[in-house]
């Protein structure tokens, strides 16, 4: 499959290009999630922010306990997000540096070689949110790789609110919207108008 290179997108017109329609069956909690997602899109298209959509989704799913797995570099943002979400839910947050495990414990490369440099702890974040029985966990700026480990080890479903991108103010899509950056860094021109 190389859907990104397909100019026709006949799937938008009902064509089963992949031949998998008969093999897919949404039911139970997955079907409920699909219904709620479709309702949010249909009712609030271009009207709600991602944060507002998360609130709507969690309420419609009947979730009452939300978890935040955040990067210490976005602690101010996490605090604001937690305050907003606490108006509607019980919210538990876990910083990436939880338990203060030194990078030398796992022979990891250090950002600051001559000082104590704690590693991020996505497994610890997942473990602590599991103990709080969160029903959905929200990533706020975890590092690449750490976000993957957190997602793989989370008992609750995971969504991302903020993706870390230190260069582009946590807006990774900015790299593909800048014709100059695309040409200079990746040697390609943009087809995005």
N, C-alpha and C. Protein backbone atom coordinates (compact mmCIF):
# COMPACT_ATOMS: atom_id res chain seq x y z
N UNK A 1 0.84 -1.18 0.00
CA UNK A 1 0.00 0.00 0.00
C UNK A 1 0.88 1.25 0.00
N UNK A 2 0.54 2.17 -0.86
CA UNK A 2 1.19 3.47 -0.89
C UNK A 2 0.12 4.53 -1.12
N UNK A 3 -0.83 4.56 -0.22
CA UNK A 3 -1.97 5.48 -0.37
C UNK A 3 -1.55 6.93 -0.48
N UNK A 4 -0.44 7.31 0.15
CA UNK A 4 0.00 8.70 0.09
C UNK A 4 0.33 9.12 -1.34
N UNK A 5 0.70 8.16 -2.19
CA UNK A 5 1.02 8.46 -3.58
C UNK A 5 -0.17 8.36 -4.51
N UNK A 6 -1.32 7.91 -4.01
CA UNK A 6 -2.51 7.75 -4.84
C UNK A 6 -3.18 9.09 -5.05
N UNK A 7 -3.38 9.48 -6.32
CA UNK A 7 -4.02 10.76 -6.61
C UNK A 7 -5.54 10.65 -6.71
N UNK A 8 -6.05 9.44 -6.90
CA UNK A 8 -7.49 9.27 -7.12
C UNK A 8 -8.29 9.19 -5.82
N UNK A 9 -7.79 8.48 -4.84
CA UNK A 9 -8.48 8.27 -3.56
C UNK A 9 -9.93 7.83 -3.79
N UNK A 10 -10.10 6.81 -4.61
CA UNK A 10 -11.44 6.29 -4.90
C UNK A 10 -12.10 5.69 -3.65
N UNK A 11 -11.32 5.47 -2.61
CA UNK A 11 -11.89 4.99 -1.35
C UNK A 11 -12.89 6.01 -0.80
N UNK A 12 -12.68 7.27 -1.13
CA UNK A 12 -13.61 8.32 -0.69
C UNK A 12 -14.96 8.22 -1.40
N UNK A 13 -14.98 7.47 -2.50
CA UNK A 13 -16.21 7.28 -3.28
C UNK A 13 -16.81 5.90 -3.06
N UNK A 14 -16.20 5.09 -2.16
CA UNK A 14 -16.77 3.77 -1.84
C UNK A 14 -16.03 2.59 -2.42
N UNK A 15 -14.95 2.80 -3.15
CA UNK A 15 -14.20 1.68 -3.73
C UNK A 15 -13.32 1.03 -2.66
N UNK A 16 -13.36 -0.30 -2.57
CA UNK A 16 -12.52 -1.06 -1.64
C UNK A 16 -11.22 -1.43 -2.36
N UNK A 17 -10.31 -0.46 -2.48
CA UNK A 17 -9.05 -0.65 -3.21
C UNK A 17 -8.19 -1.75 -2.60
N UNK A 18 -8.27 -1.90 -1.27
CA UNK A 18 -7.41 -2.86 -0.57
C UNK A 18 -8.02 -4.24 -0.48
N UNK A 19 -9.31 -4.36 -0.74
CA UNK A 19 -9.97 -5.66 -0.67
C UNK A 19 -10.12 -6.21 0.74
N UNK A 20 -10.27 -5.32 1.72
CA UNK A 20 -10.36 -5.79 3.10
C UNK A 20 -11.70 -5.49 3.77
N UNK A 21 -12.61 -4.83 3.05
CA UNK A 21 -13.88 -4.42 3.66
C UNK A 21 -14.60 -5.58 4.33
N UNK A 22 -14.65 -6.72 3.68
CA UNK A 22 -15.36 -7.87 4.24
C UNK A 22 -14.66 -8.47 5.45
N UNK A 23 -13.39 -8.13 5.66
CA UNK A 23 -12.63 -8.67 6.79
C UNK A 23 -12.70 -7.77 8.03
N UNK A 24 -13.28 -6.59 7.89
CA UNK A 24 -13.34 -5.63 9.00
C UNK A 24 -14.71 -5.71 9.65
N UNK A 25 -14.72 -5.75 10.99
CA UNK A 25 -15.98 -5.78 11.72
C UNK A 25 -15.82 -5.03 13.04
N UNK A 26 -16.30 -3.82 13.08
CA UNK A 26 -16.28 -3.04 14.31
C UNK A 26 -17.45 -3.48 15.18
N UNK A 27 -17.16 -3.79 16.44
CA UNK A 27 -18.21 -4.18 17.37
C UNK A 27 -17.80 -3.81 18.78
N UNK A 28 -18.74 -3.85 19.70
CA UNK A 28 -18.44 -3.57 21.10
C UNK A 28 -17.87 -2.18 21.31
N UNK A 29 -16.82 -2.11 22.11
CA UNK A 29 -16.19 -0.84 22.46
C UNK A 29 -15.57 -0.15 21.24
N UNK A 30 -15.07 -0.94 20.29
CA UNK A 30 -14.50 -0.35 19.07
C UNK A 30 -15.59 0.34 18.25
N UNK A 31 -16.77 -0.29 18.14
CA UNK A 31 -17.88 0.31 17.41
C UNK A 31 -18.35 1.58 18.12
N UNK A 32 -18.41 1.54 19.45
CA UNK A 32 -18.81 2.72 20.22
C UNK A 32 -17.83 3.87 19.97
N UNK A 33 -16.55 3.59 19.96
CA UNK A 33 -15.54 4.60 19.69
C UNK A 33 -15.72 5.19 18.29
N UNK A 34 -15.98 4.33 17.32
CA UNK A 34 -16.19 4.80 15.95
C UNK A 34 -17.42 5.70 15.85
N UNK A 35 -18.50 5.33 16.54
CA UNK A 35 -19.72 6.14 16.51
C UNK A 35 -19.49 7.51 17.13
N UNK A 36 -18.80 7.53 18.26
CA UNK A 36 -18.54 8.80 18.94
C UNK A 36 -17.60 9.67 18.11
N UNK A 37 -16.57 9.08 17.53
CA UNK A 37 -15.65 9.83 16.68
C UNK A 37 -16.37 10.44 15.49
N UNK A 38 -17.24 9.65 14.85
CA UNK A 38 -18.00 10.15 13.70
C UNK A 38 -18.94 11.28 14.11
N UNK A 39 -19.57 11.14 15.28
CA UNK A 39 -20.50 12.17 15.76
C UNK A 39 -19.76 13.48 16.04
N UNK A 40 -18.59 13.38 16.65
CA UNK A 40 -17.81 14.59 16.94
C UNK A 40 -17.40 15.27 15.63
N UNK A 41 -16.96 14.49 14.66
CA UNK A 41 -16.59 15.07 13.36
C UNK A 41 -17.80 15.73 12.70
N UNK A 42 -18.94 15.02 12.68
CA UNK A 42 -20.13 15.54 11.99
C UNK A 42 -20.70 16.79 12.67
N UNK A 43 -20.68 16.81 13.97
CA UNK A 43 -21.30 17.92 14.71
C UNK A 43 -20.40 19.13 14.88
N UNK A 44 -19.08 18.89 14.94
CA UNK A 44 -18.16 19.98 15.32
C UNK A 44 -17.03 20.21 14.34
N UNK A 45 -17.17 19.78 13.10
CA UNK A 45 -16.12 19.91 12.10
C UNK A 45 -15.67 21.37 11.99
N UNK A 46 -14.38 21.59 12.18
CA UNK A 46 -13.77 22.92 12.09
C UNK A 46 -14.27 23.89 13.17
N UNK A 47 -14.83 23.35 14.26
CA UNK A 47 -15.35 24.20 15.33
C UNK A 47 -14.66 23.98 16.67
N UNK A 48 -14.14 22.77 16.90
CA UNK A 48 -13.56 22.44 18.20
C UNK A 48 -12.07 22.16 18.06
N UNK A 49 -11.32 22.55 19.09
CA UNK A 49 -9.90 22.24 19.14
C UNK A 49 -9.72 20.77 19.51
N UNK A 50 -8.52 20.28 19.38
CA UNK A 50 -8.24 18.90 19.76
C UNK A 50 -8.53 18.67 21.25
N UNK A 51 -8.20 19.63 22.09
CA UNK A 51 -8.47 19.50 23.52
C UNK A 51 -9.98 19.40 23.77
N UNK A 52 -10.76 20.23 23.10
CA UNK A 52 -12.21 20.16 23.25
C UNK A 52 -12.76 18.83 22.73
N UNK A 53 -12.19 18.33 21.64
CA UNK A 53 -12.62 17.03 21.12
C UNK A 53 -12.31 15.91 22.09
N UNK A 54 -11.18 15.98 22.76
CA UNK A 54 -10.84 14.95 23.76
C UNK A 54 -11.87 14.97 24.89
N UNK A 55 -12.25 16.15 25.33
CA UNK A 55 -13.26 16.26 26.40
C UNK A 55 -14.58 15.65 25.93
N UNK A 56 -15.02 16.01 24.74
CA UNK A 56 -16.26 15.46 24.19
C UNK A 56 -16.19 13.94 24.07
N UNK A 57 -15.10 13.45 23.51
CA UNK A 57 -14.92 12.01 23.32
C UNK A 57 -14.95 11.27 24.66
N UNK A 58 -14.19 11.75 25.63
CA UNK A 58 -14.12 11.08 26.94
C UNK A 58 -15.48 11.07 27.62
N UNK A 59 -16.20 12.17 27.54
CA UNK A 59 -17.54 12.22 28.14
C UNK A 59 -18.47 11.22 27.47
N UNK A 60 -18.48 11.22 26.14
CA UNK A 60 -19.36 10.31 25.40
C UNK A 60 -19.02 8.84 25.63
N UNK A 61 -17.74 8.55 25.85
CA UNK A 61 -17.32 7.18 26.14
C UNK A 61 -17.62 6.79 27.59
N UNK A 62 -18.02 7.77 28.39
CA UNK A 62 -18.32 7.50 29.80
C UNK A 62 -17.09 7.43 30.68
N UNK A 63 -15.98 7.97 30.19
CA UNK A 63 -14.75 7.96 30.98
C UNK A 63 -14.83 9.01 32.09
N UNK A 64 -14.34 8.65 33.25
CA UNK A 64 -14.31 9.59 34.37
C UNK A 64 -12.88 9.82 34.88
N UNK A 65 -11.96 8.90 34.55
CA UNK A 65 -10.57 8.99 35.01
C UNK A 65 -9.62 9.07 33.82
N UNK A 66 -8.96 10.21 33.71
CA UNK A 66 -8.03 10.45 32.61
C UNK A 66 -6.61 10.53 33.14
N UNK A 67 -5.67 10.07 32.33
CA UNK A 67 -4.26 10.15 32.69
C UNK A 67 -3.51 11.05 31.73
N UNK A 68 -2.55 11.79 32.27
CA UNK A 68 -1.66 12.62 31.45
C UNK A 68 -0.24 12.11 31.62
N UNK A 69 0.38 11.74 30.54
CA UNK A 69 1.80 11.37 30.54
C UNK A 69 2.52 12.52 29.85
N UNK A 70 3.26 13.31 30.65
CA UNK A 70 3.82 14.52 30.07
C UNK A 70 5.33 14.60 30.22
N UNK A 71 5.93 15.37 29.31
CA UNK A 71 7.35 15.67 29.35
C UNK A 71 7.59 16.80 30.33
N UNK A 72 8.64 16.68 31.12
CA UNK A 72 8.97 17.73 32.09
C UNK A 72 9.18 19.08 31.40
N UNK A 73 9.60 19.06 30.15
CA UNK A 73 9.77 20.30 29.40
C UNK A 73 8.46 20.99 29.06
N UNK A 74 7.36 20.28 29.23
CA UNK A 74 6.04 20.87 28.98
C UNK A 74 5.20 20.85 30.26
N UNK A 75 5.87 21.04 31.40
CA UNK A 75 5.14 20.99 32.67
C UNK A 75 4.12 22.12 32.80
N UNK A 76 4.43 23.29 32.26
CA UNK A 76 3.46 24.40 32.34
C UNK A 76 2.22 24.08 31.52
N UNK A 77 2.43 23.54 30.35
CA UNK A 77 1.30 23.15 29.50
C UNK A 77 0.49 22.05 30.17
N UNK A 78 1.17 21.08 30.77
CA UNK A 78 0.49 19.98 31.45
C UNK A 78 -0.37 20.49 32.61
N UNK A 79 0.15 21.47 33.34
CA UNK A 79 -0.60 22.03 34.47
C UNK A 79 -1.89 22.70 33.98
N UNK A 80 -1.80 23.46 32.89
CA UNK A 80 -2.98 24.12 32.33
C UNK A 80 -3.98 23.08 31.83
N UNK A 81 -3.48 22.09 31.10
CA UNK A 81 -4.35 21.04 30.56
C UNK A 81 -5.03 20.28 31.70
N UNK A 82 -4.29 19.97 32.75
CA UNK A 82 -4.89 19.26 33.88
C UNK A 82 -5.99 20.11 34.52
N UNK A 83 -5.75 21.41 34.70
CA UNK A 83 -6.78 22.29 35.28
C UNK A 83 -8.05 22.29 34.42
N UNK A 84 -7.88 22.34 33.11
CA UNK A 84 -9.04 22.33 32.21
C UNK A 84 -9.79 21.01 32.32
N UNK A 85 -9.06 19.90 32.25
CA UNK A 85 -9.70 18.59 32.28
C UNK A 85 -10.35 18.29 33.63
N UNK A 86 -9.76 18.83 34.72
CA UNK A 86 -10.31 18.58 36.06
C UNK A 86 -11.69 19.22 36.25
N UNK A 87 -12.09 20.08 35.37
CA UNK A 87 -13.45 20.63 35.44
C UNK A 87 -14.48 19.57 35.07
N UNK A 88 -14.03 18.49 34.44
CA UNK A 88 -14.93 17.46 33.94
C UNK A 88 -14.62 16.05 34.44
N UNK A 89 -13.36 15.80 34.84
CA UNK A 89 -12.90 14.44 35.12
C UNK A 89 -11.97 14.40 36.33
N UNK A 90 -11.74 13.18 36.84
CA UNK A 90 -10.62 12.95 37.75
C UNK A 90 -9.39 12.77 36.86
N UNK A 91 -8.37 13.56 37.10
CA UNK A 91 -7.20 13.56 36.21
C UNK A 91 -5.95 13.26 37.03
N UNK A 92 -5.15 12.32 36.51
CA UNK A 92 -3.89 11.95 37.14
C UNK A 92 -2.78 12.22 36.14
N UNK A 93 -1.70 12.84 36.60
CA UNK A 93 -0.61 13.18 35.69
C UNK A 93 0.71 12.61 36.20
N UNK A 94 1.53 12.18 35.24
CA UNK A 94 2.82 11.60 35.58
C UNK A 94 3.89 12.22 34.68
N UNK A 95 4.90 12.80 35.31
CA UNK A 95 6.03 13.43 34.63
C UNK A 95 6.96 12.35 34.05
N UNK A 96 7.61 12.66 32.96
CA UNK A 96 8.50 11.70 32.30
C UNK A 96 9.69 11.28 33.16
N UNK A 97 10.12 12.13 34.07
CA UNK A 97 11.30 11.83 34.89
C UNK A 97 10.95 11.10 36.19
N UNK A 98 9.72 10.61 36.29
CA UNK A 98 9.25 9.94 37.51
C UNK A 98 10.24 8.84 37.93
N UNK A 99 10.52 8.77 39.18
CA UNK A 99 11.43 7.79 39.81
C UNK A 99 12.90 8.13 39.66
N UNK A 100 13.24 9.14 38.88
CA UNK A 100 14.60 9.65 38.78
C UNK A 100 15.64 8.55 38.58
N UNK A 101 15.49 7.81 37.51
CA UNK A 101 16.44 6.75 37.15
C UNK A 101 17.57 7.37 36.33
N UNK A 102 18.79 7.18 36.78
CA UNK A 102 19.95 7.73 36.06
C UNK A 102 20.19 7.02 34.74
N UNK A 103 20.58 7.77 33.74
CA UNK A 103 20.86 7.18 32.43
C UNK A 103 21.98 6.16 32.49
N UNK A 104 22.90 6.37 33.43
CA UNK A 104 24.01 5.42 33.54
C UNK A 104 23.53 4.03 33.98
N UNK A 105 22.36 3.95 34.63
CA UNK A 105 21.81 2.66 35.06
C UNK A 105 21.54 1.74 33.87
N UNK A 106 21.28 2.33 32.71
CA UNK A 106 21.00 1.54 31.51
C UNK A 106 22.00 1.82 30.39
N UNK A 107 23.11 2.44 30.73
CA UNK A 107 24.16 2.75 29.77
C UNK A 107 23.61 3.57 28.60
N UNK A 108 22.82 4.61 28.93
CA UNK A 108 22.23 5.48 27.92
C UNK A 108 23.11 6.71 27.72
N UNK A 109 23.14 7.20 26.51
CA UNK A 109 23.88 8.41 26.20
C UNK A 109 23.29 9.59 26.98
N UNK A 110 24.17 10.43 27.50
CA UNK A 110 23.73 11.53 28.35
C UNK A 110 23.75 12.87 27.62
N UNK A 111 22.75 13.68 27.89
CA UNK A 111 22.71 15.04 27.37
C UNK A 111 23.71 15.91 28.13
N UNK A 112 23.82 15.68 29.44
CA UNK A 112 24.74 16.41 30.30
C UNK A 112 25.69 15.40 30.95
N UNK A 113 26.80 15.07 30.28
CA UNK A 113 27.68 13.98 30.73
C UNK A 113 28.28 14.14 32.13
N UNK A 114 28.50 15.36 32.57
CA UNK A 114 29.19 15.55 33.84
C UNK A 114 28.25 15.73 35.04
N UNK A 115 26.95 15.51 34.82
CA UNK A 115 25.99 15.67 35.91
C UNK A 115 25.06 14.46 35.98
N UNK A 116 24.26 14.40 37.03
CA UNK A 116 23.23 13.37 37.08
C UNK A 116 22.21 13.71 36.01
N UNK A 117 21.96 12.77 35.13
CA UNK A 117 21.05 12.99 34.00
C UNK A 117 19.98 11.90 34.06
N UNK A 118 18.80 12.23 34.58
CA UNK A 118 17.77 11.20 34.69
C UNK A 118 17.18 10.85 33.33
N UNK A 119 16.88 9.58 33.16
CA UNK A 119 16.24 9.15 31.93
C UNK A 119 14.74 9.36 32.04
N UNK A 120 14.10 9.50 30.92
CA UNK A 120 12.64 9.48 30.91
C UNK A 120 12.21 8.06 31.25
N UNK A 121 11.02 7.92 31.77
CA UNK A 121 10.58 6.63 32.29
C UNK A 121 9.16 6.32 31.80
N UNK A 122 9.00 6.05 30.48
CA UNK A 122 7.66 5.78 29.96
C UNK A 122 7.01 4.53 30.55
N UNK A 123 7.80 3.53 30.91
CA UNK A 123 7.22 2.34 31.54
C UNK A 123 6.67 2.70 32.92
N UNK A 124 7.40 3.54 33.65
CA UNK A 124 6.93 3.99 34.96
C UNK A 124 5.66 4.83 34.83
N UNK A 125 5.61 5.69 33.81
CA UNK A 125 4.41 6.49 33.60
C UNK A 125 3.20 5.58 33.35
N UNK A 126 3.36 4.60 32.49
CA UNK A 126 2.26 3.67 32.19
C UNK A 126 1.86 2.89 33.43
N UNK A 127 2.85 2.45 34.20
CA UNK A 127 2.59 1.67 35.42
C UNK A 127 1.79 2.49 36.44
N UNK A 128 2.20 3.74 36.64
CA UNK A 128 1.53 4.57 37.65
C UNK A 128 0.11 4.94 37.22
N UNK A 129 -0.11 5.18 35.94
CA UNK A 129 -1.46 5.48 35.48
C UNK A 129 -2.34 4.24 35.52
N UNK A 130 -1.75 3.07 35.30
CA UNK A 130 -2.50 1.82 35.45
C UNK A 130 -2.99 1.67 36.89
N UNK A 131 -2.14 2.01 37.86
CA UNK A 131 -2.53 1.92 39.27
C UNK A 131 -3.69 2.85 39.61
N UNK A 132 -3.86 3.92 38.84
CA UNK A 132 -4.97 4.85 39.05
C UNK A 132 -6.20 4.46 38.23
N UNK A 133 -6.10 3.34 37.52
CA UNK A 133 -7.22 2.85 36.69
C UNK A 133 -7.74 3.90 35.71
N UNK A 134 -6.82 4.62 35.08
CA UNK A 134 -7.26 5.60 34.09
C UNK A 134 -7.94 4.88 32.93
N UNK A 135 -8.89 5.55 32.31
CA UNK A 135 -9.65 4.95 31.22
C UNK A 135 -9.18 5.41 29.85
N UNK A 136 -8.46 6.52 29.83
CA UNK A 136 -7.80 6.99 28.61
C UNK A 136 -6.58 7.78 29.07
N UNK A 137 -5.48 7.64 28.36
CA UNK A 137 -4.26 8.38 28.68
C UNK A 137 -3.91 9.31 27.53
N UNK A 138 -3.44 10.49 27.91
CA UNK A 138 -3.15 11.54 26.94
C UNK A 138 -1.66 11.88 27.00
N UNK A 139 -1.01 11.80 25.87
CA UNK A 139 0.41 12.14 25.78
C UNK A 139 0.57 13.64 25.55
N UNK A 140 1.44 14.23 26.35
CA UNK A 140 1.78 15.65 26.21
C UNK A 140 3.30 15.74 26.02
N UNK A 141 3.74 15.70 24.78
CA UNK A 141 5.12 15.97 24.43
C UNK A 141 6.16 14.95 24.84
N UNK A 142 5.83 13.69 24.89
CA UNK A 142 6.86 12.69 25.18
C UNK A 142 7.83 12.60 24.01
N UNK A 143 9.08 12.28 24.30
CA UNK A 143 10.11 12.13 23.27
C UNK A 143 9.75 10.99 22.31
N UNK A 144 10.28 11.08 21.11
CA UNK A 144 10.12 9.98 20.16
C UNK A 144 10.73 8.72 20.78
N UNK A 145 10.08 7.65 20.65
CA UNK A 145 10.51 6.39 21.27
C UNK A 145 9.88 6.21 22.63
N UNK A 146 9.97 7.24 23.47
CA UNK A 146 9.31 7.16 24.78
C UNK A 146 7.80 7.14 24.61
N UNK A 147 7.29 7.91 23.62
CA UNK A 147 5.85 7.88 23.35
C UNK A 147 5.41 6.49 22.88
N UNK A 148 6.27 5.85 22.11
CA UNK A 148 5.96 4.50 21.62
C UNK A 148 5.93 3.51 22.78
N UNK A 149 6.95 3.56 23.62
CA UNK A 149 7.00 2.65 24.78
C UNK A 149 5.83 2.89 25.72
N UNK A 150 5.48 4.16 25.94
CA UNK A 150 4.33 4.45 26.80
C UNK A 150 3.06 3.85 26.20
N UNK A 151 2.83 4.07 24.92
CA UNK A 151 1.63 3.57 24.25
C UNK A 151 1.57 2.05 24.29
N UNK A 152 2.70 1.40 24.05
CA UNK A 152 2.74 -0.07 24.07
C UNK A 152 2.44 -0.63 25.46
N UNK A 153 2.76 0.10 26.49
CA UNK A 153 2.63 -0.41 27.85
C UNK A 153 1.44 0.15 28.62
N UNK A 154 0.69 1.03 28.02
CA UNK A 154 -0.48 1.59 28.68
C UNK A 154 -1.63 0.59 28.65
N UNK A 155 -2.27 0.39 29.79
CA UNK A 155 -3.46 -0.47 29.82
C UNK A 155 -4.66 0.24 29.20
N UNK A 156 -4.71 1.57 29.33
CA UNK A 156 -5.81 2.35 28.78
C UNK A 156 -5.46 2.78 27.35
N UNK A 157 -6.49 3.06 26.55
CA UNK A 157 -6.22 3.61 25.22
C UNK A 157 -5.45 4.93 25.35
N UNK A 158 -4.69 5.26 24.31
CA UNK A 158 -3.83 6.45 24.35
C UNK A 158 -4.15 7.35 23.16
N UNK A 159 -4.17 8.66 23.43
CA UNK A 159 -4.25 9.66 22.37
C UNK A 159 -3.16 10.69 22.63
N UNK A 160 -2.79 11.40 21.61
CA UNK A 160 -1.75 12.41 21.74
C UNK A 160 -2.35 13.80 21.58
N UNK A 161 -2.06 14.67 22.52
CA UNK A 161 -2.50 16.06 22.42
C UNK A 161 -1.38 16.94 21.89
N UNK A 162 -0.15 16.73 22.40
CA UNK A 162 0.99 17.52 21.94
C UNK A 162 2.12 16.56 21.55
N UNK A 163 2.64 16.75 20.34
CA UNK A 163 3.78 15.98 19.87
C UNK A 163 5.02 16.85 20.05
N UNK A 164 6.05 16.28 20.64
CA UNK A 164 7.27 17.05 20.88
C UNK A 164 7.99 17.34 19.57
N UNK A 165 8.31 18.61 19.39
CA UNK A 165 9.17 19.05 18.31
C UNK A 165 9.83 20.33 18.80
N UNK A 166 11.01 20.18 19.36
CA UNK A 166 11.70 21.32 19.97
C UNK A 166 12.03 22.42 18.96
N UNK A 167 12.28 22.04 17.72
CA UNK A 167 12.67 23.00 16.70
C UNK A 167 11.47 23.81 16.21
N UNK A 168 10.31 23.17 16.11
CA UNK A 168 9.13 23.82 15.51
C UNK A 168 8.02 24.10 16.52
N UNK A 169 8.39 24.43 17.75
CA UNK A 169 7.42 24.81 18.79
C UNK A 169 6.30 23.76 18.92
N UNK A 170 6.70 22.49 18.89
CA UNK A 170 5.78 21.36 19.05
C UNK A 170 4.70 21.32 17.97
N UNK A 171 5.09 21.72 16.78
CA UNK A 171 4.22 21.67 15.61
C UNK A 171 4.96 20.94 14.50
N UNK A 172 5.07 19.60 14.60
CA UNK A 172 5.88 18.87 13.62
C UNK A 172 5.39 19.00 12.19
N UNK A 173 4.11 19.30 11.99
CA UNK A 173 3.61 19.48 10.63
C UNK A 173 4.23 20.70 9.97
N UNK A 174 4.75 21.63 10.77
CA UNK A 174 5.38 22.83 10.22
C UNK A 174 6.50 22.50 9.24
N UNK A 175 7.17 21.39 9.44
CA UNK A 175 8.29 21.01 8.56
C UNK A 175 7.82 20.74 7.14
N UNK A 176 6.60 20.27 6.97
CA UNK A 176 6.12 20.00 5.61
C UNK A 176 5.35 21.16 5.01
N UNK A 177 5.01 22.15 5.83
CA UNK A 177 4.33 23.33 5.31
C UNK A 177 5.30 24.43 4.90
N UNK A 178 6.56 24.29 5.23
CA UNK A 178 7.57 25.27 4.86
C UNK A 178 8.32 24.78 3.62
N UNK A 179 8.05 25.44 2.49
CA UNK A 179 8.72 25.05 1.25
C UNK A 179 10.23 25.16 1.37
N UNK A 180 10.69 26.19 2.04
CA UNK A 180 12.13 26.39 2.24
C UNK A 180 12.72 25.22 3.03
N UNK A 181 12.08 24.86 4.14
CA UNK A 181 12.59 23.78 4.99
C UNK A 181 12.58 22.45 4.25
N UNK A 182 11.50 22.19 3.51
CA UNK A 182 11.42 20.95 2.73
C UNK A 182 12.56 20.83 1.73
N UNK A 183 12.80 21.92 1.02
CA UNK A 183 13.85 21.90 -0.01
C UNK A 183 15.23 21.79 0.63
N UNK A 184 15.49 22.59 1.68
CA UNK A 184 16.81 22.63 2.29
C UNK A 184 17.14 21.35 3.05
N UNK A 185 16.21 20.83 3.84
CA UNK A 185 16.47 19.68 4.68
C UNK A 185 16.24 18.34 4.02
N UNK A 186 15.20 18.27 3.17
CA UNK A 186 14.81 16.98 2.63
C UNK A 186 14.97 16.88 1.11
N UNK A 187 15.29 17.99 0.46
CA UNK A 187 15.54 17.97 -0.97
C UNK A 187 14.31 17.70 -1.82
N UNK A 188 13.13 18.05 -1.33
CA UNK A 188 11.92 17.87 -2.12
C UNK A 188 11.12 19.17 -2.12
N UNK A 189 10.19 19.26 -3.10
CA UNK A 189 9.30 20.42 -3.13
C UNK A 189 7.91 19.96 -2.68
N UNK A 190 7.14 20.89 -2.19
CA UNK A 190 5.83 20.59 -1.62
C UNK A 190 4.75 20.53 -2.68
N UNK A 191 3.82 19.59 -2.50
CA UNK A 191 2.62 19.53 -3.32
C UNK A 191 1.43 20.12 -2.57
N UNK A 192 1.67 20.56 -1.33
CA UNK A 192 0.60 21.11 -0.50
C UNK A 192 0.36 22.55 -0.90
N UNK A 193 -0.87 22.87 -1.20
CA UNK A 193 -1.22 24.24 -1.58
C UNK A 193 -1.86 24.95 -0.42
